[in-house]
C-alpha atoms as a PDB file:
ATOM      1  CA  MET A   1      30.122  52.989  62.760  1.00  0.00           C
ATOM      2  CA  THR A   2      29.291  49.625  61.490  1.00  0.00           C
ATOM      3  CA  GLU A   3      30.612  47.219  58.781  1.00  0.00           C
ATOM      4  CA  ASP A   4      28.708  44.754  56.831  1.00  0.00           C
ATOM      5  CA  ASP A   5      30.221  41.757  58.703  1.00  0.00           C
ATOM      6  CA  ASN A   6      29.939  43.305  62.184  1.00  0.00           C
ATOM      7  CA  GLN A   7      26.872  43.983  64.043  1.00  0.00           C
ATOM      8  CA  ILE A   8      28.268  45.940  66.794  1.00  0.00           C
ATOM      9  CA  ILE A   9      27.250  49.651  67.116  1.00  0.00           C
ATOM     10  CA  VAL A  10      29.773  51.671  68.941  1.00  0.00           C
ATOM     11  CA  PRO A  11      27.868  54.419  70.834  1.00  0.00           C
ATOM     12  CA  PRO A  12      28.606  58.164  70.154  1.00  0.00           C
ATOM     13  CA  SER A  13      29.906  58.497  73.798  1.00  0.00           C
ATOM     14  CA  PHE A  14      32.646  55.986  73.086  1.00  0.00           C
ATOM     15  CA  LEU A  15      33.433  57.212  69.622  1.00  0.00           C
ATOM     16  CA  ALA A  16      34.030  60.625  71.060  1.00  0.00           C
ATOM     17  CA  LEU A  17      36.988  59.194  72.968  1.00  0.00           C
ATOM     18  CA  PHE A  18      38.809  58.501  69.681  1.00  0.00           C
ATOM     19  CA  SER A  19      37.622  61.389  67.645  1.00  0.00           C
ATOM     20  CA  ASP A  20      39.289  64.746  66.815  1.00  0.00           C
ATOM     21  CA  ALA A  21      37.748  68.201  66.766  1.00  0.00           C
ATOM     22  CA  ARG A  22      36.206  67.348  63.377  1.00  0.00           C
ATOM     23  CA  GLN A  23      34.700  64.229  64.606  1.00  0.00           C
ATOM     24  CA  ARG A  24      37.106  62.046  62.571  1.00  0.00           C
ATOM     25  CA  LEU A  25      38.517  58.858  64.227  1.00  0.00           C
ATOM     26  CA  ARG A  26      42.068  59.067  65.296  1.00  0.00           C
ATOM     27  CA  GLU A  27      42.440  55.338  65.268  1.00  0.00           C
ATOM     28  CA  PRO A  28      41.292  52.674  62.816  1.00  0.00           C
ATOM     29  CA  ALA A  29      37.588  51.669  63.148  1.00  0.00           C
ATOM     30  CA  ALA A  30      38.516  48.031  63.969  1.00  0.00           C
ATOM     31  CA  VAL A  31      40.696  49.324  66.970  1.00  0.00           C
ATOM     32  CA  VAL A  32      37.884  51.499  68.288  1.00  0.00           C
ATOM     33  CA  ARG A  33      35.312  48.595  68.068  1.00  0.00           C
ATOM     34  CA  GLN A  34      37.707  46.259  69.765  1.00  0.00           C
ATOM     35  CA  ARG A  35      38.314  48.837  72.691  1.00  0.00           C
ATOM     36  CA  TYR A  36      34.623  49.423  72.850  1.00  0.00           C
ATOM     37  CA  GLU A  37      33.859  45.733  73.209  1.00  0.00           C
ATOM     38  CA  LEU A  38      36.533  45.430  75.977  1.00  0.00           C
ATOM     39  CA  CYS A  39      35.283  48.447  77.950  1.00  0.00           C
ATOM     40  CA  GLU A  40      31.573  47.412  77.649  1.00  0.00           C
ATOM     41  CA  ASP A  41      32.400  43.827  78.726  1.00  0.00           C
ATOM     42  CA  LEU A  42      34.362  45.348  81.706  1.00  0.00           C
ATOM     43  CA  ALA A  43      31.451  47.648  82.770  1.00  0.00           C
ATOM     44  CA  CYS A  44      29.133  44.579  82.608  1.00  0.00           C
ATOM     45  CA  GLN A  45      31.424  42.422  84.551  1.00  0.00           C
ATOM     46  CA  LEU A  46      31.930  45.054  87.288  1.00  0.00           C
ATOM     47  CA  VAL A  47      28.179  45.241  88.093  1.00  0.00           C
ATOM     48  CA  GLY A  48      28.209  42.270  90.414  1.00  0.00           C
ATOM     49  CA  HIS A  49      31.557  43.440  92.085  1.00  0.00           C
ATOM     50  CA  ALA A  50      30.013  46.938  92.746  1.00  0.00           C
ATOM     51  CA  GLN A  51      26.838  45.434  94.153  1.00  0.00           C
ATOM     52  CA  THR A  52      28.803  43.156  96.464  1.00  0.00           C
ATOM     53  CA  LEU A  53      30.894  46.060  97.749  1.00  0.00           C
ATOM     54  CA  TYR A  54      27.837  48.171  98.319  1.00  0.00           C
ATOM     55  CA  HIS A  55      26.039  45.364 100.280  1.00  0.00           C
ATOM     56  CA  ALA A  56      29.078  44.114 102.111  1.00  0.00           C
ATOM     57  CA  GLU A  57      30.966  47.215 103.118  1.00  0.00           C
ATOM     58  CA  ALA A  58      28.107  49.684 102.878  1.00  0.00           C
ATOM     59  CA  PRO A  59      30.052  52.626 101.498  1.00  0.00           C
ATOM     60  CA  SER A  60      28.378  55.127  99.126  1.00  0.00           C
ATOM     61  CA  GLU A  61      27.662  54.341  95.525  1.00  0.00           C
ATOM     62  CA  SER A  62      29.783  57.182  94.507  1.00  0.00           C
ATOM     63  CA  GLY A  63      32.758  56.045  96.737  1.00  0.00           C
ATOM     64  CA  ILE A  64      32.659  52.690  94.993  1.00  0.00           C
ATOM     65  CA  LEU A  65      32.596  54.171  91.555  1.00  0.00           C
ATOM     66  CA  ARG A  66      35.439  56.599  92.412  1.00  0.00           C
ATOM     67  CA  SER A  67      37.464  53.523  93.774  1.00  0.00           C
ATOM     68  CA  ILE A  68      36.966  51.588  90.673  1.00  0.00           C
ATOM     69  CA  HIS A  69      37.844  54.659  88.588  1.00  0.00           C
ATOM     70  CA  ALA A  70      41.049  55.072  90.577  1.00  0.00           C
ATOM     71  CA  GLY A  71      41.990  51.405  89.867  1.00  0.00           C
ATOM     72  CA  LEU A  72      41.263  51.626  86.197  1.00  0.00           C
ATOM     73  CA  SER A  73      43.066  54.883  85.963  1.00  0.00           C
ATOM     74  CA  ASN A  74      46.236  53.274  86.905  1.00  0.00           C
ATOM     75  CA  PRO A  75      48.517  53.032  83.763  1.00  0.00           C
ATOM     76  CA  GLU A  76      49.019  49.303  84.499  1.00  0.00           C
ATOM     77  CA  SER A  77      45.397  48.615  84.052  1.00  0.00           C
ATOM     78  CA  GLY A  78      45.655  48.835  80.291  1.00  0.00           C
ATOM     79  CA  PHE A  79      42.889  51.494  80.066  1.00  0.00           C
ATOM     80  CA  ALA A  80      43.522  55.075  78.931  1.00  0.00           C
ATOM     81  CA  GLY A  81      42.161  57.764  81.161  1.00  0.00           C
ATOM     82  CA  PRO A  82      39.176  58.579  79.128  1.00  0.00           C
ATOM     83  CA  GLU A  83      38.470  54.785  78.722  1.00  0.00           C
ATOM     84  CA  ALA A  84      38.409  54.405  82.515  1.00  0.00           C
ATOM     85  CA  THR A  85      36.044  57.232  82.942  1.00  0.00           C
ATOM     86  CA  TRP A  86      33.737  55.852  80.302  1.00  0.00           C
ATOM     87  CA  VAL A  87      33.727  52.457  81.807  1.00  0.00           C
ATOM     88  CA  VAL A  88      32.753  53.936  85.338  1.00  0.00           C
ATOM     89  CA  LEU A  89      30.003  56.035  83.799  1.00  0.00           C
ATOM     90  CA  ARG A  90      28.721  53.060  81.880  1.00  0.00           C
ATOM     91  CA  LEU A  91      28.844  51.046  85.060  1.00  0.00           C
ATOM     92  CA  ALA A  92      26.904  53.742  86.943  1.00  0.00           C
ATOM     93  CA  GLU A  93      24.232  53.602  84.185  1.00  0.00           C
ATOM     94  CA  LEU A  94      24.055  49.805  84.326  1.00  0.00           C
ATOM     95  CA  LEU A  95      23.590  49.937  88.057  1.00  0.00           C
ATOM     96  CA  GLU A  96      21.208  52.749  87.832  1.00  0.00           C
ATOM     97  CA  TRP A  97      23.394  54.880  90.303  1.00  0.00           C
ATOM     98  CA  ALA A  98      24.068  58.538  89.934  1.00  0.00           C
ATOM     99  CA  SER A  99      27.229  59.199  87.904  1.00  0.00           C
ATOM    100  CA  PRO A 100      29.890  60.593  90.222  1.00  0.00           C
ATOM    101  CA  THR A 101      32.083  63.487  89.538  1.00  0.00           C
ATOM    102  CA  LEU A 102      35.439  61.913  88.484  1.00  0.00           C
ATOM    103  CA  GLU A 103      38.828  63.550  88.520  1.00  0.00           C
ATOM    104  CA  PRO A 104      40.262  63.766  85.026  1.00  0.00           C
ATOM    105  CA  THR A 105      43.294  61.307  84.459  1.00  0.00           C
ATOM    106  CA  PRO A 106      46.112  62.268  82.407  1.00  0.00           C
ATOM    107  CA  THR A 107      46.446  60.587  79.063  1.00  0.00           C
ATOM    108  CA  ALA A 108      49.361  60.296  76.733  1.00  0.00           C
ATOM    109  CA  ASP A 109      48.327  63.436  75.083  1.00  0.00           C
ATOM    110  CA  THR A 110      47.794  65.342  78.316  1.00  0.00           C
ATOM    111  CA  PRO A 111      50.608  65.967  80.597  1.00  0.00           C
ATOM    112  CA  PRO A 112      49.895  65.699  84.422  1.00  0.00           C
ATOM    113  CA  ALA A 113      48.998  69.158  86.079  1.00  0.00           C
END
């Protein structure tokens, strides 16, 4: 997903959050790109925070990532459940930590269990 005037390439893992079963986007490309930039920026900004937590409080890597996921999964955070999960998995990748098993979060399309 690129346009002539935009150099940002949205990775398939993020596109999947906004795609239907036929791999068609459910949102305009500009919206998906904007959400990707926001999520990628947040993951990058959280690197230092996660490292500080790890060294200051000495909890487990997965505990830190789950805690961040819980915060992002709060509807007031402004991130949809799948976006929160993507941010945390991207953060784990940036930190070179193992990806934790995350509890699925309800979305507007998915009623809570």
